PDB file of N, CA and C in Angstrom:
ATOM      1  N   MET A   1       0.806  -1.081   0.056  1.00  0.00           N
ATOM      2  CA  MET A   1       0.055   0.018  -0.107  1.00  0.00           C
ATOM      3  C   MET A   1       0.892   1.260   0.035  1.00  0.00           C
ATOM      4  N   VAL A   2       0.561   2.174  -0.822  1.00  0.00           N
ATOM      5  CA  VAL A   2       1.172   3.498  -0.873  1.00  0.00           C
ATOM      6  C   VAL A   2       0.245   4.549  -0.382  1.00  0.00           C
ATOM      7  N   GLN A   3       0.885   5.655   0.196  1.00  0.00           N
ATOM      8  CA  GLN A   3      -0.095   6.752   0.545  1.00  0.00           C
ATOM      9  C   GLN A   3       0.272   8.005   0.024  1.00  0.00           C
ATOM     10  N   MET A   4      -0.651   8.835  -0.227  1.00  0.00           N
ATOM     11  CA  MET A   4      -0.481  10.148  -0.735  1.00  0.00           C
ATOM     12  C   MET A   4      -1.264  11.120   0.268  1.00  0.00           C
ATOM     13  N   ASP A   5      -0.359  11.989   0.810  1.00  0.00           N
ATOM     14  CA  ASP A   5      -0.930  13.100   1.632  1.00  0.00           C
ATOM     15  C   ASP A   5      -1.420  14.216   0.735  1.00  0.00           C
ATOM     16  N   ALA A   6      -2.739  14.425   0.501  1.00  0.00           N
ATOM     17  CA  ALA A   6      -3.212  15.581  -0.232  1.00  0.00           C
ATOM     18  C   ALA A   6      -3.980  16.594   0.726  1.00  0.00           C
ATOM     19  N   THR A   7      -3.568  16.665   1.955  1.00  0.00           N
ATOM     20  CA  THR A   7      -4.119  17.625   2.805  1.00  0.00           C
ATOM     21  C   THR A   7      -3.964  18.976   2.544  1.00  0.00           C
ATOM     22  N   SER A   8      -3.069  19.253   1.655  1.00  0.00           N
ATOM     23  CA  SER A   8      -2.739  20.686   1.260  1.00  0.00           C
ATOM     24  C   SER A   8      -3.376  21.035  -0.148  1.00  0.00           C
ATOM     25  N   LEU A   9      -4.021  20.046  -0.750  1.00  0.00           N
ATOM     26  CA  LEU A   9      -4.643  20.222  -2.048  1.00  0.00           C
ATOM     27  C   LEU A   9      -6.125  20.410  -1.860  1.00  0.00           C
ATOM     28  N   PHE A  10      -6.684  21.493  -2.528  1.00  0.00           N
ATOM     29  CA  PHE A  10      -8.040  21.743  -2.498  1.00  0.00           C
ATOM     30  C   PHE A  10      -8.460  22.199  -4.080  1.00  0.00           C
ATOM     31  N   CYS A  11      -9.637  22.102  -4.212  1.00  0.00           N
ATOM     32  CA  CYS A  11     -10.180  22.207  -5.637  1.00  0.00           C
ATOM     33  C   CYS A  11      -9.890  23.600  -6.224  1.00  0.00           C
ATOM     34  N   PRO A  12      -9.482  23.800  -7.326  1.00  0.00           N
ATOM     35  CA  PRO A  12      -9.544  22.936  -8.480  1.00  0.00           C
ATOM     36  C   PRO A  12      -8.163  22.005  -8.492  1.00  0.00           C
ATOM     37  N   GLU A  13      -7.151  22.364  -7.741  1.00  0.00           N
ATOM     38  CA  GLU A  13      -5.867  21.619  -7.747  1.00  0.00           C
ATOM     39  C   GLU A  13      -5.911  20.321  -7.305  1.00  0.00           C
ATOM     40  N   PHE A  14      -7.020  19.736  -6.709  1.00  0.00           N
ATOM     41  CA  PHE A  14      -6.952  18.423  -6.095  1.00  0.00           C
ATOM     42  C   PHE A  14      -6.888  17.328  -7.106  1.00  0.00           C
ATOM     43  N   SER A  15      -7.709  17.348  -8.144  1.00  0.00           N
ATOM     44  CA  SER A  15      -7.995  16.243  -8.970  1.00  0.00           C
ATOM     45  C   SER A  15      -6.786  15.755  -9.864  1.00  0.00           C
ATOM     46  N   LEU A  16      -6.034  16.852 -10.416  1.00  0.00           N
ATOM     47  CA  LEU A  16      -5.027  16.319 -11.413  1.00  0.00           C
ATOM     48  C   LEU A  16      -3.819  15.710 -10.576  1.00  0.00           C
ATOM     49  N   PRO A  17      -3.369  16.229  -9.526  1.00  0.00           N
ATOM     50  CA  PRO A  17      -2.218  15.503  -8.975  1.00  0.00           C
ATOM     51  C   PRO A  17      -2.567  14.136  -8.453  1.00  0.00           C
ATOM     52  N   VAL A  18      -3.835  14.001  -7.926  1.00  0.00           N
ATOM     53  CA  VAL A  18      -4.261  12.765  -7.325  1.00  0.00           C
ATOM     54  C   VAL A  18      -4.434  11.716  -8.502  1.00  0.00           C
ATOM     55  N   ARG A  19      -5.101  12.096  -9.694  1.00  0.00           N
ATOM     56  CA  ARG A  19      -5.201  11.260 -10.767  1.00  0.00           C
ATOM     57  C   ARG A  19      -3.827  10.988 -11.344  1.00  0.00           C
ATOM     58  N   GLN A  20      -2.877  11.754 -11.487  1.00  0.00           N
ATOM     59  CA  GLN A  20      -1.465  11.399 -11.883  1.00  0.00           C
ATOM     60  C   GLN A  20      -0.876  10.538 -10.994  1.00  0.00           C
ATOM     61  N   PHE A  21      -0.988  10.594  -9.614  1.00  0.00           N
ATOM     62  CA  PHE A  21      -0.449   9.734  -8.627  1.00  0.00           C
ATOM     63  C   PHE A  21      -0.944   8.378  -8.921  1.00  0.00           C
ATOM     64  N   LEU A  22      -2.292   8.284  -8.979  1.00  0.00           N
ATOM     65  CA  LEU A  22      -2.998   6.994  -9.134  1.00  0.00           C
ATOM     66  C   LEU A  22      -2.530   6.182 -10.415  1.00  0.00           C
ATOM     67  N   LYS A  23      -2.510   6.980 -11.473  1.00  0.00           N
ATOM     68  CA  LYS A  23      -2.045   6.378 -12.942  1.00  0.00           C
ATOM     69  C   LYS A  23      -0.664   5.883 -12.890  1.00  0.00           C
ATOM     70  N   SER A  24       0.193   6.423 -12.019  1.00  0.00           N
ATOM     71  CA  SER A  24       1.568   5.973 -11.956  1.00  0.00           C
ATOM     72  C   SER A  24       1.778   4.819 -11.312  1.00  0.00           C
ATOM     73  N   LEU A  25       0.844   4.294 -10.501  1.00  0.00           N
ATOM     74  CA  LEU A  25       0.883   3.034  -9.771  1.00  0.00           C
ATOM     75  C   LEU A  25       0.666   1.887 -10.596  1.00  0.00           C
ATOM     76  N   PRO A  26       1.444   0.710 -10.103  1.00  0.00           N
ATOM     77  CA  PRO A  26       1.205  -0.506 -10.961  1.00  0.00           C
ATOM     78  C   PRO A  26      -0.287  -1.113 -10.726  1.00  0.00           C
ATOM     79  N   ASP A  27      -0.646  -1.947 -11.694  1.00  0.00           N
ATOM     80  CA  ASP A  27      -1.992  -2.581 -11.424  1.00  0.00           C
ATOM     81  C   ASP A  27      -2.056  -3.272 -10.086  1.00  0.00           C
ATOM     82  N   ASN A  28      -3.096  -3.417  -9.589  1.00  0.00           N
ATOM     83  CA  ASN A  28      -3.436  -4.166  -8.200  1.00  0.00           C
ATOM     84  C   ASN A  28      -2.853  -3.444  -7.004  1.00  0.00           C
ATOM     85  N   GLU A  29      -2.173  -2.258  -7.149  1.00  0.00           N
ATOM     86  CA  GLU A  29      -1.761  -1.563  -6.039  1.00  0.00           C
ATOM     87  C   GLU A  29      -2.933  -0.841  -5.341  1.00  0.00           C
ATOM     88  N   VAL A  30      -2.705  -0.803  -3.946  1.00  0.00           N
ATOM     89  CA  VAL A  30      -3.734  -0.154  -3.142  1.00  0.00           C
ATOM     90  C   VAL A  30      -3.099   1.330  -2.701  1.00  0.00           C
ATOM     91  N   ALA A  31      -3.792   2.326  -2.925  1.00  0.00           N
ATOM     92  CA  ALA A  31      -3.406   3.580  -2.605  1.00  0.00           C
ATOM     93  C   ALA A  31      -4.397   4.240  -1.407  1.00  0.00           C
ATOM     94  N   HIS A  32      -3.692   4.835  -0.439  1.00  0.00           N
ATOM     95  CA  HIS A  32      -4.416   5.488   0.747  1.00  0.00           C
ATOM     96  C   HIS A  32      -4.219   6.888   0.497  1.00  0.00           C
ATOM     97  N   ILE A  33      -5.281   7.701   0.243  1.00  0.00           N
ATOM     98  CA  ILE A  33      -5.232   9.149  -0.094  1.00  0.00           C
ATOM     99  C   ILE A  33      -5.906   9.866   1.007  1.00  0.00           C
ATOM    100  N   VAL A  34      -5.401  10.846   1.722  1.00  0.00           N
ATOM    101  CA  VAL A  34      -5.810  11.579   2.829  1.00  0.00           C
ATOM    102  C   VAL A  34      -5.927  13.117   2.392  1.00  0.00           C
ATOM    103  N   THR A  35      -7.067  13.630   2.576  1.00  0.00           N
ATOM    104  CA  THR A  35      -7.321  14.984   2.176  1.00  0.00           C
ATOM    105  C   THR A  35      -8.172  15.717   3.142  1.00  0.00           C
ATOM    106  N   LYS A  36      -8.249  17.113   3.021  1.00  0.00           N
ATOM    107  CA  LYS A  36      -9.188  17.821   3.699  1.00  0.00           C
ATOM    108  C   LYS A  36     -10.314  18.570   2.801  1.00  0.00           C
ATOM    109  N   GLU A  37     -10.141  18.133   1.532  1.00  0.00           N
ATOM    110  CA  GLU A  37     -11.094  18.744   0.557  1.00  0.00           C
ATOM    111  C   GLU A  37     -12.424  18.268   0.833  1.00  0.00           C
ATOM    112  N   LYS A  38     -13.496  19.013   1.026  1.00  0.00           N
ATOM    113  CA  LYS A  38     -14.641  18.687   1.298  1.00  0.00           C
ATOM    114  C   LYS A  38     -15.560  18.080   0.056  1.00  0.00           C
ATOM    115  N   ARG A  39     -14.973  18.408  -1.249  1.00  0.00           N
ATOM    116  CA  ARG A  39     -15.577  17.921  -2.367  1.00  0.00           C
ATOM    117  C   ARG A  39     -14.711  16.693  -3.001  1.00  0.00           C
ATOM    118  N   ALA A  40     -14.018  16.195  -2.113  1.00  0.00           N
ATOM    119  CA  ALA A  40     -13.113  15.101  -2.590  1.00  0.00           C
ATOM    120  C   ALA A  40     -13.837  13.823  -2.874  1.00  0.00           C
ATOM    121  N   LEU A  41     -14.891  13.545  -2.299  1.00  0.00           N
ATOM    122  CA  LEU A  41     -15.620  12.279  -2.513  1.00  0.00           C
ATOM    123  C   LEU A  41     -16.174  12.378  -4.020  1.00  0.00           C
ATOM    124  N   ALA A  42     -16.738  13.379  -4.327  1.00  0.00           N
ATOM    125  CA  ALA A  42     -17.243  13.471  -5.694  1.00  0.00           C
ATOM    126  C   ALA A  42     -16.309  13.420  -6.675  1.00  0.00           C
ATOM    127  N   ARG A  43     -14.994  13.991  -6.326  1.00  0.00           N
ATOM    128  CA  ARG A  43     -13.891  13.850  -7.326  1.00  0.00           C
ATOM    129  C   ARG A  43     -13.335  12.488  -7.474  1.00  0.00           C
ATOM    130  N   MET A  44     -13.221  11.812  -6.380  1.00  0.00           N
ATOM    131  CA  MET A  44     -12.617  10.511  -6.282  1.00  0.00           C
ATOM    132  C   MET A  44     -13.596   9.565  -7.002  1.00  0.00           C
ATOM    133  N   GLN A  45     -14.859   9.583  -6.679  1.00  0.00           N
ATOM    134  CA  GLN A  45     -15.844   8.741  -7.412  1.00  0.00           C
ATOM    135  C   GLN A  45     -15.667   8.977  -9.101  1.00  0.00           C
ATOM    136  N   HIS A  46     -15.498  10.279  -9.379  1.00  0.00           N
ATOM    137  CA  HIS A  46     -15.397  10.536 -10.809  1.00  0.00           C
ATOM    138  C   HIS A  46     -14.254   9.914 -11.394  1.00  0.00           C
ATOM    139  N   ILE A  47     -13.009  10.038 -10.664  1.00  0.00           N
ATOM    140  CA  ILE A  47     -11.778   9.416 -11.136  1.00  0.00           C
ATOM    141  C   ILE A  47     -11.857   7.917 -11.174  1.00  0.00           C
ATOM    142  N   CYS A  48     -12.328   7.307 -10.127  1.00  0.00           N
ATOM    143  CA  CYS A  48     -12.408   5.828 -10.029  1.00  0.00           C
ATOM    144  C   CYS A  48     -13.490   5.275 -11.115  1.00  0.00           C
ATOM    145  N   PHE A  49     -14.516   5.855 -11.235  1.00  0.00           N
ATOM    146  CA  PHE A  49     -15.556   5.507 -12.355  1.00  0.00           C
ATOM    147  C   PHE A  49     -14.900   5.526 -13.672  1.00  0.00           C
ATOM    148  N   ALA A  50     -14.114   6.535 -14.033  1.00  0.00           N
ATOM    149  CA  ALA A  50     -13.564   6.772 -15.466  1.00  0.00           C
ATOM    150  C   ALA A  50     -12.587   5.596 -15.735  1.00  0.00           C
ATOM    151  N   TYR A  51     -11.782   5.229 -14.607  1.00  0.00           N
ATOM    152  CA  TYR A  51     -10.742   4.155 -14.833  1.00  0.00           C
ATOM    153  C   TYR A  51     -11.156   2.751 -14.339  1.00  0.00           C
ATOM    154  N   ASP A  52     -12.345   2.531 -13.787  1.00  0.00           N
ATOM    155  CA  ASP A  52     -12.870   1.409 -13.267  1.00  0.00           C
ATOM    156  C   ASP A  52     -12.096   0.887 -12.175  1.00  0.00           C
ATOM    157  N   TRP A  53     -11.589   1.709 -11.294  1.00  0.00           N
ATOM    158  CA  TRP A  53     -10.960   1.445  -9.930  1.00  0.00           C
ATOM    159  C   TRP A  53     -11.784   1.226  -8.789  1.00  0.00           C
ATOM    160  N   SER A  54     -11.647   0.346  -7.926  1.00  0.00           N
ATOM    161  CA  SER A  54     -12.504   0.393  -6.731  1.00  0.00           C
ATOM    162  C   SER A  54     -12.132   1.582  -5.702  1.00  0.00           C
ATOM    163  N   LEU A  55     -13.242   1.908  -4.994  1.00  0.00           N
ATOM    164  CA  LEU A  55     -12.956   3.035  -4.088  1.00  0.00           C
ATOM    165  C   LEU A  55     -13.642   2.762  -2.743  1.00  0.00           C
ATOM    166  N   ALA A  56     -13.059   3.009  -1.589  1.00  0.00           N
ATOM    167  CA  ALA A  56     -13.606   2.958  -0.348  1.00  0.00           C
ATOM    168  C   ALA A  56     -13.353   4.171   0.430  1.00  0.00           C
ATOM    169  N   ASN A  57     -14.111   4.783   1.180  1.00  0.00           N
ATOM    170  CA  ASN A  57     -13.916   6.013   1.816  1.00  0.00           C
ATOM    171  C   ASN A  57     -14.348   6.024   3.254  1.00  0.00           C
ATOM    172  N   LYS A  58     -13.737   6.910   4.078  1.00  0.00           N
ATOM    173  CA  LYS A  58     -14.087   7.073   5.392  1.00  0.00           C
ATOM    174  C   LYS A  58     -13.875   8.443   5.883  1.00  0.00           C
ATOM    175  N   GLU A  59     -14.700   9.155   6.630  1.00  0.00           N
ATOM    176  CA  GLU A  59     -14.330  10.456   7.201  1.00  0.00           C
ATOM    177  C   GLU A  59     -13.937  10.346   8.556  1.00  0.00           C
ATOM    178  N   VAL A  60     -12.762  10.986   9.045  1.00  0.00           N
ATOM    179  CA  VAL A  60     -12.240  10.808  10.358  1.00  0.00           C
ATOM    180  C   VAL A  60     -11.961  12.404  10.680  1.00  0.00           C
ATOM    181  N   GLY A  61     -12.865  12.934  11.440  1.00  0.00           N
ATOM    182  CA  GLY A  61     -12.719  14.315  11.936  1.00  0.00           C
ATOM    183  C   GLY A  61     -12.902  15.164  10.723  1.00  0.00           C
ATOM    184  N   ASP A  62     -11.844  16.108  10.331  1.00  0.00           N
ATOM    185  CA  ASP A  62     -11.970  16.891   9.242  1.00  0.00           C
ATOM    186  C   ASP A  62     -11.204  16.390   8.064  1.00  0.00           C
ATOM    187  N   GLU A  63     -10.680  14.994   8.131  1.00  0.00           N
ATOM    188  CA  GLU A  63     -10.062  14.477   7.034  1.00  0.00           C
ATOM    189  C   GLU A  63     -10.851  13.407   6.463  1.00  0.00           C
ATOM    190  N   PHE A  64     -10.629  13.225   5.116  1.00  0.00           N
ATOM    191  CA  PHE A  64     -11.252  12.237   4.326  1.00  0.00           C
ATOM    192  C   PHE A  64     -10.177  11.262   3.785  1.00  0.00           C
ATOM    193  N   HIS A  65     -10.512   9.952   4.164  1.00  0.00           N
ATOM    194  CA  HIS A  65      -9.595   8.927   3.827  1.00  0.00           C
ATOM    195  C   HIS A  65     -10.173   8.046   2.750  1.00  0.00           C
ATOM    196  N   PHE A  66      -9.430   7.807   1.599  1.00  0.00           N
ATOM    197  CA  PHE A  66      -9.790   6.993   0.438  1.00  0.00           C
ATOM    198  C   PHE A  66      -8.845   5.794   0.195  1.00  0.00           C
ATOM    199  N   LEU A  67      -9.345   4.685  -0.090  1.00  0.00           N
ATOM    200  CA  LEU A  67      -8.534   3.516  -0.482  1.00  0.00           C
ATOM    201  C   LEU A  67      -8.966   3.212  -1.874  1.00  0.00           C
ATOM    202  N   VAL A  68      -8.052   3.284  -2.717  1.00  0.00           N
ATOM    203  CA  VAL A  68      -8.214   3.146  -4.163  1.00  0.00           C
ATOM    204  C   VAL A  68      -7.447   1.848  -4.549  1.00  0.00           C
ATOM    205  N   THR A  69      -8.099   0.787  -5.098  1.00  0.00           N
ATOM    206  CA  THR A  69      -7.487  -0.280  -5.707  1.00  0.00           C
ATOM    207  C   THR A  69      -7.282  -0.286  -7.244  1.00  0.00           C
ATOM    208  N   LYS A  70      -6.109  -0.016  -7.654  1.00  0.00           N
ATOM    209  CA  LYS A  70      -5.994   0.196  -9.260  1.00  0.00           C
ATOM    210  C   LYS A  70      -6.075  -1.123  -9.799  1.00  0.00           C
ATOM    211  N   GLN A  71      -7.232  -1.445 -10.532  1.00  0.00           N
ATOM    212  CA  GLN A  71      -7.439  -2.674 -11.142  1.00  0.00           C
ATOM    213  C   GLN A  71      -6.991  -2.575 -12.517  1.00  0.00           C
ATOM    214  N   PRO A  72      -6.463  -3.677 -13.136  1.00  0.00           N
ATOM    215  CA  PRO A  72      -6.005  -3.672 -14.474  1.00  0.00           C
ATOM    216  C   PRO A  72      -7.082  -3.338 -15.492  1.00  0.00           C
ATOM    217  N   ILE A  73      -6.809  -2.576 -16.426  1.00  0.00           N
ATOM    218  CA  ILE A  73      -7.837  -2.277 -17.410  1.00  0.00           C
ATOM    219  C   ILE A  73      -7.819  -3.530 -18.378  1.00  0.00           C
ATOM    220  N   LEU A  74      -9.160  -4.059 -18.529  1.00  0.00           N
ATOM    221  CA  LEU A  74      -9.498  -5.244 -19.433  1.00  0.00           C
ATOM    222  C   LEU A  74      -9.402  -4.752 -20.898  1.00  0.00           C
ATOM    223  N   LYS A  75      -8.537  -5.437 -21.658  1.00  0.00           N
ATOM    224  CA  LYS A  75      -8.590  -5.127 -23.137  1.00  0.00           C
ATOM    225  C   LYS A  75      -9.544  -6.054 -23.843  1.00  0.00           C
ATOM    226  N   GLN A  76     -10.228  -5.568 -24.738  1.00  0.00           N
ATOM    227  CA  GLN A  76     -11.227  -6.321 -25.510  1.00  0.00           C
ATOM    228  C   GLN A  76     -10.731  -6.595 -26.882  1.00  0.00           C
TER     229      GLN A  76
END
């Protein structure tokens, strides 16, 4: 598992660095992303839906924690 501390990133700067970080990971890697961005859930859902990655989330105090499993893209 790898971790990204995105607590200093807020919209609109949040999505691009997070997406680039996730795309750089190997398939089947699990990433733990921590942020304080209140709109992060919608952003993370959009990113994970676009790439068909699984997403789990939890709110702890003023932080949002996301676990993203980067699943391999199935080629047809």
